[in-house]
């Protein structure tokens, strides 16, 4: 059996641009404008655990991101079977 742990961290940085706010709409819906300047910089990080033996591998990942004073979490589980 083997196992591996990975930790990843970083920062999302909003870079400048001068394209103006895009306007879009869904099908026949009303148009709306996206305001990219409302987005802010933030931190991101992940923790991954992977292990297995022979042709089988099991993994789990937890990802967190902070932006504009709000946090989001994501969790993923994976299973790999080799033939």
Protein backbone atom coordinates (compact mmCIF):
# COMPACT_ATOMS: atom_id res chain seq x y z
CA UNK A 1 0.00 0.00 0.00
CA UNK A 2 1.08 3.57 -0.63
CA UNK A 3 -0.25 7.01 0.25
CA UNK A 4 0.49 10.58 -0.71
CA UNK A 5 -0.50 13.91 0.85
CA UNK A 6 -0.41 17.21 -1.08
CA UNK A 7 -0.96 20.73 0.22
CA UNK A 8 -1.39 23.60 -2.22
CA UNK A 9 -1.87 27.28 -1.49
CA UNK A 10 -1.95 30.49 -3.43
CA UNK A 11 -3.56 33.81 -4.09
CA UNK A 12 -5.92 34.86 -6.87
CA UNK A 13 -5.00 38.31 -8.00
CA UNK A 14 -7.34 40.49 -10.03
CA UNK A 15 -5.38 41.99 -12.89
CA UNK A 16 -6.25 45.15 -14.74
CA UNK A 17 -8.10 45.35 -17.98
CA UNK A 18 -9.84 48.05 -19.93
CA UNK A 19 -12.44 46.13 -21.91
CA UNK A 20 -15.44 47.54 -20.09
CA UNK A 21 -18.22 45.52 -18.46
CA UNK A 22 -19.71 42.81 -20.72
CA UNK A 23 -23.46 42.58 -21.23
CA UNK A 24 -25.12 39.20 -21.80
CA UNK A 25 -28.50 37.46 -21.72
CA UNK A 26 -29.89 33.92 -21.63
CA UNK A 27 -32.09 32.95 -24.62
CA UNK A 28 -34.98 35.45 -24.66
CA UNK A 29 -34.27 36.80 -21.18
CA UNK A 30 -33.47 40.34 -20.14
CA UNK A 31 -29.89 41.56 -20.66
CA UNK A 32 -27.63 41.89 -17.63
CA UNK A 33 -24.18 43.40 -17.12
CA UNK A 34 -21.29 41.65 -15.39
CA UNK A 35 -19.24 43.94 -13.18
CA UNK A 36 -15.68 42.58 -13.03
CA UNK A 37 -14.54 45.42 -10.78
CA UNK A 38 -16.79 43.96 -8.06
CA UNK A 39 -14.47 40.94 -7.85
CA UNK A 40 -11.65 41.10 -5.35
CA UNK A 41 -8.37 39.32 -4.68
CA UNK A 42 -8.39 36.31 -2.38
CA UNK A 43 -6.64 33.24 -1.03
CA UNK A 44 -7.01 29.67 -2.23
CA UNK A 45 -5.84 26.35 -0.82
CA UNK A 46 -6.26 22.60 -1.24
CA UNK A 47 -5.49 19.45 0.71
CA UNK A 48 -5.35 16.15 -1.22
CA UNK A 49 -4.98 12.64 0.16
CA UNK A 50 -4.39 9.76 -2.27
CA UNK A 51 -3.60 6.13 -1.54
CA UNK A 52 -3.86 2.71 -3.00
CA UNK A 53 -2.40 -0.70 -3.64
CA UNK A 54 -1.98 -2.61 -6.86
CA UNK A 55 -4.52 -1.35 -9.40
CA UNK A 56 -6.82 0.47 -6.99
CA UNK A 57 -6.49 4.11 -5.95
CA UNK A 58 -8.69 6.16 -3.61
CA UNK A 59 -8.44 9.91 -3.16
CA UNK A 60 -10.08 12.82 -1.37
CA UNK A 61 -9.62 16.57 -1.86
CA UNK A 62 -10.77 19.59 0.15
CA UNK A 63 -10.52 22.99 -1.55
CA UNK A 64 -11.15 26.37 0.09
CA UNK A 65 -11.20 29.83 -1.46
CA UNK A 66 -11.71 33.28 0.06
CA UNK A 67 -12.70 36.26 -2.06
CA UNK A 68 -14.39 39.55 -1.20
CA UNK A 69 -14.69 38.50 2.45
CA UNK A 70 -16.61 35.31 1.61
CA UNK A 71 -15.40 31.72 1.69
CA UNK A 72 -16.30 28.70 -0.43
CA UNK A 73 -15.53 25.04 0.21
CA UNK A 74 -15.50 22.08 -2.16
CA UNK A 75 -14.96 18.40 -1.40
CA UNK A 76 -14.26 15.63 -3.92
CA UNK A 77 -13.75 11.87 -3.58
CA UNK A 78 -12.28 9.71 -6.34
CA UNK A 79 -11.82 6.01 -7.03
CA UNK A 80 -9.52 4.60 -9.69
CA UNK A 81 -9.51 0.96 -10.72
CA UNK A 82 -6.87 -0.35 -13.15
CA UNK A 83 -7.38 -3.30 -15.47
